[in-house]
Amino acid sequence: QVQLVESGGGLVQAGGSLRLSCTASGRTGSGYTMTWFRQAPGQEREFVALINWSGGTYYVDSVEGRFTISRDNAKKSVYLQMNSLKPEDTAVYYCAVQYPRTEFWGQGTQVTVSS
């Protein structure tokens, strides 16, 4: 099993920045993709960004140029630097570790952006 713990959420004004962190523990192995999702109140969970084992990244259009995903394989951690935050970025942010046949999720961290 793999356990994930997110941190770094909070309340920030529009235009501000936050850096989310997510650290995995347990038998993670190697080669996995790490992904950030978010879920706003009353909405479905949506993809935000991913980074594969080699460092390749992909973002949803709405955060491209504002958010940066990175990872440290030695620390089994993934980060999400969020700049120029907007009220519509308000959501619970979840990280996931994804393998070809399974995935594991954290409990989420709340990000609230005030206007």
PDB file of N, CA and C in Angstrom:
ATOM      1  N   GLN A   1       0.828  -1.201   0.000  1.00  0.00           N
ATOM      2  CA  GLN A   1       0.000   0.000   0.000  1.00  0.00           C
ATOM      3  C   GLN A   1       0.860   1.248   0.000  1.00  0.00           C
ATOM      4  N   VAL A   2       0.281   2.295  -0.527  1.00  0.00           N
ATOM      5  CA  VAL A   2       0.953   3.585  -0.579  1.00  0.00           C
ATOM      6  C   VAL A   2       0.065   4.604   0.120  1.00  0.00           C
ATOM      7  N   GLN A   3       0.662   5.392   0.985  1.00  0.00           N
ATOM      8  CA  GLN A   3      -0.066   6.459   1.658  1.00  0.00           C
ATOM      9  C   GLN A   3       0.455   7.806   1.160  1.00  0.00           C
ATOM     10  N   LEU A   4      -0.453   8.749   1.028  1.00  0.00           N
ATOM     11  CA  LEU A   4      -0.112  10.087   0.541  1.00  0.00           C
ATOM     12  C   LEU A   4      -0.630  11.127   1.524  1.00  0.00           C
ATOM     13  N   VAL A   5       0.202  12.117   1.785  1.00  0.00           N
ATOM     14  CA  VAL A   5      -0.185  13.210   2.661  1.00  0.00           C
ATOM     15  C   VAL A   5       0.099  14.524   1.951  1.00  0.00           C
ATOM     16  N   GLU A   6      -0.953  15.328   1.777  1.00  0.00           N
ATOM     17  CA  GLU A   6      -0.814  16.647   1.155  1.00  0.00           C
ATOM     18  C   GLU A   6      -0.685  17.715   2.241  1.00  0.00           C
ATOM     19  N   SER A   7      -0.036  18.805   1.890  1.00  0.00           N
ATOM     20  CA  SER A   7       0.073  19.946   2.792  1.00  0.00           C
ATOM     21  C   SER A   7       0.265  21.207   1.960  1.00  0.00           C
ATOM     22  N   GLY A   8       0.115  22.351   2.623  1.00  0.00           N
ATOM     23  CA  GLY A   8       0.389  23.615   1.967  1.00  0.00           C
ATOM     24  C   GLY A   8      -0.822  24.423   1.570  1.00  0.00           C
ATOM     25  N   GLY A   9      -2.005  23.860   1.762  1.00  0.00           N
ATOM     26  CA  GLY A   9      -3.201  24.602   1.431  1.00  0.00           C
ATOM     27  C   GLY A   9      -3.434  25.748   2.411  1.00  0.00           C
ATOM     28  N   GLY A  10      -4.415  26.588   2.084  1.00  0.00           N
ATOM     29  CA  GLY A  10      -4.735  27.696   2.964  1.00  0.00           C
ATOM     30  C   GLY A  10      -5.591  28.725   2.278  1.00  0.00           C
ATOM     31  N   LEU A  11      -5.679  29.879   2.920  1.00  0.00           N
ATOM     32  CA  LEU A  11      -6.461  31.005   2.394  1.00  0.00           C
ATOM     33  C   LEU A  11      -5.498  32.046   1.844  1.00  0.00           C
ATOM     34  N   VAL A  12      -5.758  32.496   0.632  1.00  0.00           N
ATOM     35  CA  VAL A  12      -4.896  33.484  -0.005  1.00  0.00           C
ATOM     36  C   VAL A  12      -5.763  34.436  -0.824  1.00  0.00           C
ATOM     37  N   GLN A  13      -5.304  35.657  -0.974  1.00  0.00           N
ATOM     38  CA  GLN A  13      -6.020  36.613  -1.804  1.00  0.00           C
ATOM     39  C   GLN A  13      -5.744  36.362  -3.276  1.00  0.00           C
ATOM     40  N   ALA A  14      -6.667  36.786  -4.111  1.00  0.00           N
ATOM     41  CA  ALA A  14      -6.489  36.661  -5.552  1.00  0.00           C
ATOM     42  C   ALA A  14      -5.178  37.342  -5.963  1.00  0.00           C
ATOM     43  N   GLY A  15      -4.453  36.679  -6.842  1.00  0.00           N
ATOM     44  CA  GLY A  15      -3.146  37.163  -7.268  1.00  0.00           C
ATOM     45  C   GLY A  15      -2.002  36.621  -6.452  1.00  0.00           C
ATOM     46  N   GLY A  16      -2.311  35.971  -5.346  1.00  0.00           N
ATOM     47  CA  GLY A  16      -1.280  35.426  -4.471  1.00  0.00           C
ATOM     48  C   GLY A  16      -0.796  34.065  -4.925  1.00  0.00           C
ATOM     49  N   SER A  17       0.057  33.474  -4.092  1.00  0.00           N
ATOM     50  CA  SER A  17       0.676  32.198  -4.415  1.00  0.00           C
ATOM     51  C   SER A  17       0.587  31.224  -3.242  1.00  0.00           C
ATOM     52  N   LEU A  18       0.585  29.967  -3.576  1.00  0.00           N
ATOM     53  CA  LEU A  18       0.689  28.885  -2.604  1.00  0.00           C
ATOM     54  C   LEU A  18       1.520  27.768  -3.216  1.00  0.00           C
ATOM     55  N   ARG A  19       2.154  27.002  -2.362  1.00  0.00           N
ATOM     56  CA  ARG A  19       2.900  25.823  -2.824  1.00  0.00           C
ATOM     57  C   ARG A  19       2.390  24.615  -2.076  1.00  0.00           C
ATOM     58  N   LEU A  20       1.818  23.694  -2.820  1.00  0.00           N
ATOM     59  CA  LEU A  20       1.327  22.451  -2.246  1.00  0.00           C
ATOM     60  C   LEU A  20       2.413  21.392  -2.310  1.00  0.00           C
ATOM     61  N   SER A  21       2.422  20.533  -1.312  1.00  0.00           N
ATOM     62  CA  SER A  21       3.342  19.409  -1.278  1.00  0.00           C
ATOM     63  C   SER A  21       2.561  18.127  -1.029  1.00  0.00           C
ATOM     64  N   CYS A  22       3.093  17.048  -1.527  1.00  0.00           N
ATOM     65  CA  CYS A  22       2.486  15.738  -1.306  1.00  0.00           C
ATOM     66  C   CYS A  22       3.619  14.727  -1.209  1.00  0.00           C
ATOM     67  N   THR A  23       3.623  13.972  -0.124  1.00  0.00           N
ATOM     68  CA  THR A  23       4.675  12.990   0.097  1.00  0.00           C
ATOM     69  C   THR A  23       4.068  11.605   0.235  1.00  0.00           C
ATOM     70  N   ALA A  24       4.657  10.667  -0.471  1.00  0.00           N
ATOM     71  CA  ALA A  24       4.210   9.281  -0.429  1.00  0.00           C
ATOM     72  C   ALA A  24       5.045   8.478   0.545  1.00  0.00           C
ATOM     73  N   SER A  25       4.431   7.472   1.122  1.00  0.00           N
ATOM     74  CA  SER A  25       5.141   6.538   1.983  1.00  0.00           C
ATOM     75  C   SER A  25       4.641   5.137   1.672  1.00  0.00           C
ATOM     76  N   GLY A  26       5.387   4.152   2.131  1.00  0.00           N
ATOM     77  CA  GLY A  26       5.044   2.770   1.838  1.00  0.00           C
ATOM     78  C   GLY A  26       5.826   2.250   0.642  1.00  0.00           C
ATOM     79  N   ARG A  27       5.363   1.156   0.075  1.00  0.00           N
ATOM     80  CA  ARG A  27       6.083   0.490  -1.009  1.00  0.00           C
ATOM     81  C   ARG A  27       5.709   1.124  -2.348  1.00  0.00           C
ATOM     82  N   THR A  28       6.339   2.245  -2.631  1.00  0.00           N
ATOM     83  CA  THR A  28       5.997   2.985  -3.843  1.00  0.00           C
ATOM     84  C   THR A  28       6.652   2.401  -5.088  1.00  0.00           C
ATOM     85  N   GLY A  29       7.791   1.776  -4.944  1.00  0.00           N
ATOM     86  CA  GLY A  29       8.505   1.303  -6.120  1.00  0.00           C
ATOM     87  C   GLY A  29       8.995   2.481  -6.934  1.00  0.00           C
ATOM     88  N   SER A  30       8.992   2.322  -8.260  1.00  0.00           N
ATOM     89  CA  SER A  30       9.446   3.394  -9.136  1.00  0.00           C
ATOM     90  C   SER A  30       8.591   3.430 -10.387  1.00  0.00           C
ATOM     91  N   GLY A  31       8.818   4.453 -11.196  1.00  0.00           N
ATOM     92  CA  GLY A  31       8.148   4.535 -12.489  1.00  0.00           C
ATOM     93  C   GLY A  31       6.751   5.116 -12.456  1.00  0.00           C
ATOM     94  N   TYR A  32       6.283   5.567 -11.301  1.00  0.00           N
ATOM     95  CA  TYR A  32       4.894   6.034 -11.197  1.00  0.00           C
ATOM     96  C   TYR A  32       4.762   7.504 -11.592  1.00  0.00           C
ATOM     97  N   THR A  33       3.578   7.833 -12.024  1.00  0.00           N
ATOM     98  CA  THR A  33       3.211   9.209 -12.328  1.00  0.00           C
ATOM     99  C   THR A  33       2.566   9.832 -11.092  1.00  0.00           C
ATOM    100  N   MET A  34       2.832  11.096 -10.888  1.00  0.00           N
ATOM    101  CA  MET A  34       2.213  11.815  -9.775  1.00  0.00           C
ATOM    102  C   MET A  34       1.348  12.929 -10.352  1.00  0.00           C
ATOM    103  N   THR A  35       0.145  13.033  -9.818  1.00  0.00           N
ATOM    104  CA  THR A  35      -0.865  13.900 -10.425  1.00  0.00           C
ATOM    105  C   THR A  35      -1.573  14.719  -9.359  1.00  0.00           C
ATOM    106  N   TRP A  36      -1.914  15.935  -9.700  1.00  0.00           N
ATOM    107  CA  TRP A  36      -2.768  16.766  -8.856  1.00  0.00           C
ATOM    108  C   TRP A  36      -4.146  16.884  -9.505  1.00  0.00           C
ATOM    109  N   PHE A  37      -5.157  16.708  -8.683  1.00  0.00           N
ATOM    110  CA  PHE A  37      -6.548  16.934  -9.064  1.00  0.00           C
ATOM    111  C   PHE A  37      -7.131  17.963  -8.110  1.00  0.00           C
ATOM    112  N   ARG A  38      -8.297  18.469  -8.430  1.00  0.00           N
ATOM    113  CA  ARG A  38      -8.998  19.358  -7.506  1.00  0.00           C
ATOM    114  C   ARG A  38     -10.501  19.174  -7.653  1.00  0.00           C
ATOM    115  N   GLN A  39     -11.197  19.505  -6.583  1.00  0.00           N
ATOM    116  CA  GLN A  39     -12.648  19.406  -6.592  1.00  0.00           C
ATOM    117  C   GLN A  39     -13.237  20.615  -5.885  1.00  0.00           C
ATOM    118  N   ALA A  40     -13.956  21.410  -6.643  1.00  0.00           N
ATOM    119  CA  ALA A  40     -14.628  22.574  -6.095  1.00  0.00           C
ATOM    120  C   ALA A  40     -16.004  22.162  -5.582  1.00  0.00           C
ATOM    121  N   PRO A  41     -16.586  22.928  -4.675  1.00  0.00           N
ATOM    122  CA  PRO A  41     -17.902  22.590  -4.125  1.00  0.00           C
ATOM    123  C   PRO A  41     -18.940  22.427  -5.225  1.00  0.00           C
ATOM    124  N   GLY A  42     -19.647  21.315  -5.182  1.00  0.00           N
ATOM    125  CA  GLY A  42     -20.703  21.064  -6.143  1.00  0.00           C
ATOM    126  C   GLY A  42     -20.242  20.673  -7.524  1.00  0.00           C
ATOM    127  N   GLN A  43     -18.937  20.479  -7.688  1.00  0.00           N
ATOM    128  CA  GLN A  43     -18.413  20.111  -9.001  1.00  0.00           C
ATOM    129  C   GLN A  43     -17.694  18.775  -8.929  1.00  0.00           C
ATOM    130  N   GLU A  44     -17.471  18.207 -10.103  1.00  0.00           N
ATOM    131  CA  GLU A  44     -16.738  16.947 -10.156  1.00  0.00           C
ATOM    132  C   GLU A  44     -15.238  17.203 -10.004  1.00  0.00           C
ATOM    133  N   ARG A  45     -14.540  16.176  -9.582  1.00  0.00           N
ATOM    134  CA  ARG A  45     -13.096  16.275  -9.471  1.00  0.00           C
ATOM    135  C   ARG A  45     -12.501  16.446 -10.862  1.00  0.00           C
ATOM    136  N   GLU A  46     -11.539  17.354 -10.982  1.00  0.00           N
ATOM    137  CA  GLU A  46     -10.925  17.589 -12.278  1.00  0.00           C
ATOM    138  C   GLU A  46      -9.416  17.488 -12.200  1.00  0.00           C
ATOM    139  N   PHE A  47      -8.840  17.105 -13.320  1.00  0.00           N
ATOM    140  CA  PHE A  47      -7.397  17.013 -13.451  1.00  0.00           C
ATOM    141  C   PHE A  47      -6.785  18.409 -13.457  1.00  0.00           C
ATOM    142  N   VAL A  48      -5.624  18.556 -12.792  1.00  0.00           N
ATOM    143  CA  VAL A  48      -4.919  19.828 -12.783  1.00  0.00           C
ATOM    144  C   VAL A  48      -3.572  19.713 -13.503  1.00  0.00           C
ATOM    145  N   ALA A  49      -2.743  18.776 -13.058  1.00  0.00           N
ATOM    146  CA  ALA A  49      -1.411  18.649 -13.646  1.00  0.00           C
ATOM    147  C   ALA A  49      -0.845  17.279 -13.299  1.00  0.00           C
ATOM    148  N   LEU A  50       0.049  16.807 -14.156  1.00  0.00           N
ATOM    149  CA  LEU A  50       0.749  15.567 -13.862  1.00  0.00           C
ATOM    150  C   LEU A  50       2.219  15.686 -14.214  1.00  0.00           C
ATOM    151  N   ILE A  51       3.005  14.829 -13.585  1.00  0.00           N
ATOM    152  CA  ILE A  51       4.425  14.733 -13.899  1.00  0.00           C
ATOM    153  C   ILE A  51       4.799  13.265 -13.880  1.00  0.00           C
ATOM    154  N   ASN A  52       5.423  12.815 -14.940  1.00  0.00           N
ATOM    155  CA  ASN A  52       5.787  11.399 -14.975  1.00  0.00           C
ATOM    156  C   ASN A  52       7.141  11.182 -14.330  1.00  0.00           C
ATOM    157  N   TRP A  53       7.565   9.923 -14.303  1.00  0.00           N
ATOM    158  CA  TRP A  53       8.780   9.584 -13.587  1.00  0.00           C
ATOM    159  C   TRP A  53      10.006  10.325 -14.135  1.00  0.00           C
ATOM    160  N   SER A  54       9.993  10.561 -15.426  1.00  0.00           N
ATOM    161  CA  SER A  54      11.125  11.225 -16.075  1.00  0.00           C
ATOM    162  C   SER A  54      11.066  12.747 -16.004  1.00  0.00           C
ATOM    163  N   GLY A  55       9.968  13.273 -15.488  1.00  0.00           N
ATOM    164  CA  GLY A  55       9.845  14.720 -15.356  1.00  0.00           C
ATOM    165  C   GLY A  55       9.000  15.386 -16.410  1.00  0.00           C
ATOM    166  N   GLY A  56       8.413  14.617 -17.294  1.00  0.00           N
ATOM    167  CA  GLY A  56       7.521  15.190 -18.274  1.00  0.00           C
ATOM    168  C   GLY A  56       6.242  15.683 -17.617  1.00  0.00           C
ATOM    169  N   THR A  57       5.748  16.830 -18.040  1.00  0.00           N
ATOM    170  CA  THR A  57       4.600  17.445 -17.383  1.00  0.00           C
ATOM    171  C   THR A  57       3.463  17.714 -18.360  1.00  0.00           C
ATOM    172  N   TYR A  58       2.283  17.842 -17.794  1.00  0.00           N
ATOM    173  CA  TYR A  58       1.099  18.194 -18.574  1.00  0.00           C
ATOM    174  C   TYR A  58       0.134  18.917 -17.657  1.00  0.00           C
ATOM    175  N   TYR A  59      -0.503  19.990 -18.189  1.00  0.00           N
ATOM    176  CA  TYR A  59      -1.392  20.820 -17.391  1.00  0.00           C
ATOM    177  C   TYR A  59      -2.750  20.974 -18.064  1.00  0.00           C
ATOM    178  N   VAL A  60      -3.757  21.176 -17.253  1.00  0.00           N
ATOM    179  CA  VAL A  60      -5.047  21.584 -17.798  1.00  0.00           C
ATOM    180  C   VAL A  60      -4.893  23.029 -18.277  1.00  0.00           C
ATOM    181  N   ASP A  61      -5.604  23.387 -19.308  1.00  0.00           N
ATOM    182  CA  ASP A  61      -5.440  24.707 -19.923  1.00  0.00           C
ATOM    183  C   ASP A  61      -5.639  25.842 -18.918  1.00  0.00           C
ATOM    184  N   SER A  62      -6.551  25.677 -17.990  1.00  0.00           N
ATOM    185  CA  SER A  62      -6.906  26.777 -17.092  1.00  0.00           C
ATOM    186  C   SER A  62      -5.788  27.158 -16.128  1.00  0.00           C
ATOM    187  N   VAL A  63      -4.782  26.304 -15.954  1.00  0.00           N
ATOM    188  CA  VAL A  63      -3.683  26.620 -15.035  1.00  0.00           C
ATOM    189  C   VAL A  63      -2.357  26.772 -15.756  1.00  0.00           C
ATOM    190  N   GLU A  64      -2.326  26.476 -17.045  1.00  0.00           N
ATOM    191  CA  GLU A  64      -1.086  26.577 -17.818  1.00  0.00           C
ATOM    192  C   GLU A  64      -0.510  27.973 -17.692  1.00  0.00           C
ATOM    193  N   GLY A  65       0.782  28.053 -17.358  1.00  0.00           N
ATOM    194  CA  GLY A  65       1.449  29.344 -17.208  1.00  0.00           C
ATOM    195  C   GLY A  65       1.354  29.939 -15.821  1.00  0.00           C
ATOM    196  N   ARG A  66       0.471  29.407 -14.988  1.00  0.00           N
ATOM    197  CA  ARG A  66       0.325  29.905 -13.614  1.00  0.00           C
ATOM    198  C   ARG A  66       0.813  28.889 -12.583  1.00  0.00           C
ATOM    199  N   PHE A  67       0.595  27.616 -12.865  1.00  0.00           N
ATOM    200  CA  PHE A  67       0.974  26.540 -11.955  1.00  0.00           C
ATOM    201  C   PHE A  67       2.178  25.805 -12.512  1.00  0.00           C
ATOM    202  N   THR A  68       3.030  25.318 -11.605  1.00  0.00           N
ATOM    203  CA  THR A  68       4.174  24.504 -11.993  1.00  0.00           C
ATOM    204  C   THR A  68       4.240  23.270 -11.109  1.00  0.00           C
ATOM    205  N   ILE A  69       4.258  22.115 -11.745  1.00  0.00           N
ATOM    206  CA  ILE A  69       4.377  20.857 -11.009  1.00  0.00           C
ATOM    207  C   ILE A  69       5.817  20.390 -11.069  1.00  0.00           C
ATOM    208  N   SER A  70       6.296  19.836  -9.961  1.00  0.00           N
ATOM    209  CA  SER A  70       7.646  19.295  -9.912  1.00  0.00           C
ATOM    210  C   SER A  70       7.649  18.113  -8.954  1.00  0.00           C
ATOM    211  N   ARG A  71       8.733  17.363  -8.979  1.00  0.00           N
ATOM    212  CA  ARG A  71       8.798  16.209  -8.100  1.00  0.00           C
ATOM    213  C   ARG A  71      10.237  15.957  -7.674  1.00  0.00           C
ATOM    214  N   ASP A  72      10.355  15.239  -6.578  1.00  0.00           N
ATOM    215  CA  ASP A  72      11.659  14.800  -6.062  1.00  0.00           C
ATOM    216  C   ASP A  72      11.510  13.307  -5.813  1.00  0.00           C
ATOM    217  N   ASN A  73      12.036  12.503  -6.700  1.00  0.00           N
ATOM    218  CA  ASN A  73      11.858  11.052  -6.592  1.00  0.00           C
ATOM    219  C   ASN A  73      12.512  10.483  -5.342  1.00  0.00           C
ATOM    220  N   ALA A  74      13.616  11.045  -4.936  1.00  0.00           N
ATOM    221  CA  ALA A  74      14.294  10.552  -3.735  1.00  0.00           C
ATOM    222  C   ALA A  74      13.449  10.775  -2.492  1.00  0.00           C
ATOM    223  N   LYS A  75      12.676  11.844  -2.490  1.00  0.00           N
ATOM    224  CA  LYS A  75      11.807  12.154  -1.353  1.00  0.00           C
ATOM    225  C   LYS A  75      10.392  11.650  -1.556  1.00  0.00           C
ATOM    226  N   LYS A  76      10.142  11.021  -2.689  1.00  0.00           N
ATOM    227  CA  LYS A  76       8.806  10.507  -3.014  1.00  0.00           C
ATOM    228  C   LYS A  76       7.764  11.624  -2.895  1.00  0.00           C
ATOM    229  N   SER A  77       8.117  12.766  -3.394  1.00  0.00           N
ATOM    230  CA  SER A  77       7.263  13.948  -3.222  1.00  0.00           C
ATOM    231  C   SER A  77       6.967  14.632  -4.547  1.00  0.00           C
ATOM    232  N   VAL A  78       5.808  15.255  -4.573  1.00  0.00           N
ATOM    233  CA  VAL A  78       5.406  16.081  -5.703  1.00  0.00           C
ATOM    234  C   VAL A  78       4.952  17.425  -5.152  1.00  0.00           C
ATOM    235  N   TYR A  79       5.187  18.471  -5.942  1.00  0.00           N
ATOM    236  CA  TYR A  79       4.877  19.820  -5.516  1.00  0.00           C
ATOM    237  C   TYR A  79       4.032  20.507  -6.590  1.00  0.00           C
ATOM    238  N   LEU A  80       3.244  21.462  -6.135  1.00  0.00           N
ATOM    239  CA  LEU A  80       2.481  22.273  -7.080  1.00  0.00           C
ATOM    240  C   LEU A  80       2.625  23.726  -6.665  1.00  0.00           C
ATOM    241  N   GLN A  81       3.430  24.469  -7.417  1.00  0.00           N
ATOM    242  CA  GLN A  81       3.579  25.898  -7.184  1.00  0.00           C
ATOM    243  C   GLN A  81       2.459  26.605  -7.927  1.00  0.00           C
ATOM    244  N   MET A  82       1.632  27.320  -7.184  1.00  0.00           N
ATOM    245  CA  MET A  82       0.472  27.983  -7.764  1.00  0.00           C
ATOM    246  C   MET A  82       0.642  29.496  -7.628  1.00  0.00           C
ATOM    247  N   ASN A  83       0.760  30.161  -8.740  1.00  0.00           N
ATOM    248  CA  ASN A  83       0.905  31.615  -8.774  1.00  0.00           C
ATOM    249  C   ASN A  83      -0.310  32.255  -9.438  1.00  0.00           C
ATOM    250  N   SER A  84      -0.448  33.547  -9.234  1.00  0.00           N
ATOM    251  CA  SER A  84      -1.557  34.302  -9.847  1.00  0.00           C
ATOM    252  C   SER A  84      -2.891  33.606  -9.593  1.00  0.00           C
ATOM    253  N   LEU A  85      -3.111  33.232  -8.362  1.00  0.00           N
ATOM    254  CA  LEU A  85      -4.311  32.472  -8.027  1.00  0.00           C
ATOM    255  C   LEU A  85      -5.562  33.294  -8.254  1.00  0.00           C
ATOM    256  N   LYS A  86      -6.620  32.593  -8.650  1.00  0.00           N
ATOM    257  CA  LYS A  86      -7.911  33.202  -8.930  1.00  0.00           C
ATOM    258  C   LYS A  86      -8.971  32.574  -8.029  1.00  0.00           C
ATOM    259  N   PRO A  87     -10.060  33.290  -7.778  1.00  0.00           N
ATOM    260  CA  PRO A  87     -11.123  32.688  -6.948  1.00  0.00           C
ATOM    261  C   PRO A  87     -11.611  31.349  -7.495  1.00  0.00           C
ATOM    262  N   GLU A  88     -11.593  31.187  -8.797  1.00  0.00           N
ATOM    263  CA  GLU A  88     -12.045  29.914  -9.382  1.00  0.00           C
ATOM    264  C   GLU A  88     -11.070  28.767  -9.153  1.00  0.00           C
ATOM    265  N   ASP A  89      -9.910  29.045  -8.577  1.00  0.00           N
ATOM    266  CA  ASP A  89      -8.990  27.980  -8.185  1.00  0.00           C
ATOM    267  C   ASP A  89      -9.360  27.382  -6.831  1.00  0.00           C
ATOM    268  N   THR A  90     -10.326  27.969  -6.154  1.00  0.00           N
ATOM    269  CA  THR A  90     -10.755  27.462  -4.859  1.00  0.00           C
ATOM    270  C   THR A  90     -11.283  26.042  -4.993  1.00  0.00           C
ATOM    271  N   ALA A  91     -10.710  25.132  -4.209  1.00  0.00           N
ATOM    272  CA  ALA A  91     -11.076  23.722  -4.287  1.00  0.00           C
ATOM    273  C   ALA A  91     -10.297  22.949  -3.229  1.00  0.00           C
ATOM    274  N   VAL A  92     -10.665  21.703  -3.063  1.00  0.00           N
ATOM    275  CA  VAL A  92      -9.820  20.761  -2.340  1.00  0.00           C
ATOM    276  C   VAL A  92      -8.892  20.141  -3.376  1.00  0.00           C
ATOM    277  N   TYR A  93      -7.594  20.190  -3.094  1.00  0.00           N
ATOM    278  CA  TYR A  93      -6.593  19.662  -4.013  1.00  0.00           C
ATOM    279  C   TYR A  93      -6.110  18.305  -3.502  1.00  0.00           C
ATOM    280  N   TYR A  94      -6.105  17.340  -4.415  1.00  0.00           N
ATOM    281  CA  TYR A  94      -5.704  15.982  -4.096  1.00  0.00           C
ATOM    282  C   TYR A  94      -4.491  15.598  -4.937  1.00  0.00           C
ATOM    283  N   CYS A  95      -3.595  14.846  -4.339  1.00  0.00           N
ATOM    284  CA  CYS A  95      -2.534  14.264  -5.154  1.00  0.00           C
ATOM    285  C   CYS A  95      -2.784  12.767  -5.284  1.00  0.00           C
ATOM    286  N   ALA A  96      -2.263  12.225  -6.349  1.00  0.00           N
ATOM    287  CA  ALA A  96      -2.419  10.803  -6.626  1.00  0.00           C
ATOM    288  C   ALA A  96      -1.110  10.242  -7.167  1.00  0.00           C
ATOM    289  N   VAL A  97      -0.851   9.007  -6.814  1.00  0.00           N
ATOM    290  CA  VAL A  97       0.249   8.233  -7.391  1.00  0.00           C
ATOM    291  C   VAL A  97      -0.385   7.202  -8.305  1.00  0.00           C
ATOM    292  N   GLN A  98       0.035   7.188  -9.538  1.00  0.00           N
ATOM    293  CA  GLN A  98      -0.631   6.355 -10.528  1.00  0.00           C
ATOM    294  C   GLN A  98       0.343   5.363 -11.145  1.00  0.00           C
ATOM    295  N   TYR A  99      -0.073   4.105 -11.169  1.00  0.00           N
ATOM    296  CA  TYR A  99       0.639   3.019 -11.799  1.00  0.00           C
ATOM    297  C   TYR A  99      -0.207   2.518 -12.965  1.00  0.00           C
ATOM    298  N   PRO A 100       0.326   1.651 -13.782  1.00  0.00           N
ATOM    299  CA  PRO A 100      -0.485   1.154 -14.915  1.00  0.00           C
ATOM    300  C   PRO A 100      -1.794   0.500 -14.512  1.00  0.00           C
ATOM    301  N   ARG A 101      -1.837  -0.174 -13.367  1.00  0.00           N
ATOM    302  CA  ARG A 101      -3.043  -0.928 -13.007  1.00  0.00           C
ATOM    303  C   ARG A 101      -3.712  -0.455 -11.729  1.00  0.00           C
ATOM    304  N   THR A 102      -3.145   0.516 -11.039  1.00  0.00           N
ATOM    305  CA  THR A 102      -3.756   0.974  -9.806  1.00  0.00           C
ATOM    306  C   THR A 102      -3.316   2.388  -9.497  1.00  0.00           C
ATOM    307  N   GLU A 103      -3.961   2.989  -8.511  1.00  0.00           N
ATOM    308  CA  GLU A 103      -3.589   4.327  -8.097  1.00  0.00           C
ATOM    309  C   GLU A 103      -3.953   4.512  -6.628  1.00  0.00           C
ATOM    310  N   PHE A 104      -3.308   5.473  -6.020  1.00  0.00           N
ATOM    311  CA  PHE A 104      -3.539   5.795  -4.621  1.00  0.00           C
ATOM    312  C   PHE A 104      -3.748   7.295  -4.501  1.00  0.00           C
ATOM    313  N   TRP A 105      -4.593   7.683  -3.525  1.00  0.00           N
ATOM    314  CA  TRP A 105      -4.980   9.083  -3.376  1.00  0.00           C
ATOM    315  C   TRP A 105      -4.714   9.565  -1.961  1.00  0.00           C
ATOM    316  N   GLY A 106      -4.427  10.857  -1.858  1.00  0.00           N
ATOM    317  CA  GLY A 106      -4.345  11.484  -0.557  1.00  0.00           C
ATOM    318  C   GLY A 106      -5.715  11.964  -0.105  1.00  0.00           C
ATOM    319  N   GLN A 107      -5.731  12.578   1.067  1.00  0.00           N
ATOM    320  CA  GLN A 107      -6.992  13.041   1.656  1.00  0.00           C
ATOM    321  C   GLN A 107      -7.363  14.445   1.216  1.00  0.00           C
ATOM    322  N   GLY A 108      -6.445  15.145   0.617  1.00  0.00           N
ATOM    323  CA  GLY A 108      -6.744  16.469   0.093  1.00  0.00           C
ATOM    324  C   GLY A 108      -6.350  17.597   1.029  1.00  0.00           C
ATOM    325  N   THR A 109      -6.136  18.759   0.438  1.00  0.00           N
ATOM    326  CA  THR A 109      -5.837  19.972   1.195  1.00  0.00           C
ATOM    327  C   THR A 109      -6.656  21.114   0.585  1.00  0.00           C
ATOM    328  N   GLN A 110      -7.247  21.921   1.456  1.00  0.00           N
ATOM    329  CA  GLN A 110      -8.150  22.975   0.994  1.00  0.00           C
ATOM    330  C   GLN A 110      -7.358  24.206   0.556  1.00  0.00           C
ATOM    331  N   VAL A 111      -7.711  24.704  -0.612  1.00  0.00           N
ATOM    332  CA  VAL A 111      -7.179  25.976  -1.107  1.00  0.00           C
ATOM    333  C   VAL A 111      -8.359  26.910  -1.312  1.00  0.00           C
ATOM    334  N   THR A 112      -8.295  28.064  -0.668  1.00  0.00           N
ATOM    335  CA  THR A 112      -9.360  29.061  -0.803  1.00  0.00           C
ATOM    336  C   THR A 112      -8.746  30.381  -1.268  1.00  0.00           C
ATOM    337  N   VAL A 113      -9.259  30.895  -2.371  1.00  0.00           N
ATOM    338  CA  VAL A 113      -8.755  32.146  -2.934  1.00  0.00           C
ATOM    339  C   VAL A 113      -9.861  33.185  -2.826  1.00  0.00           C
ATOM    340  N   SER A 114      -9.597  34.229  -2.075  1.00  0.00           N
ATOM    341  CA  SER A 114     -10.594  35.282  -1.884  1.00  0.00           C
ATOM    342  C   SER A 114     -10.426  36.384  -2.927  1.00  0.00           C
ATOM    343  N   SER A 115     -11.535  36.981  -3.289  1.00  0.00           N
ATOM    344  CA  SER A 115     -11.489  38.039  -4.319  1.00  0.00           C
ATOM    345  C   SER A 115     -11.291  39.408  -3.706  1.00  0.00           C
TER     346      SER A 115
END
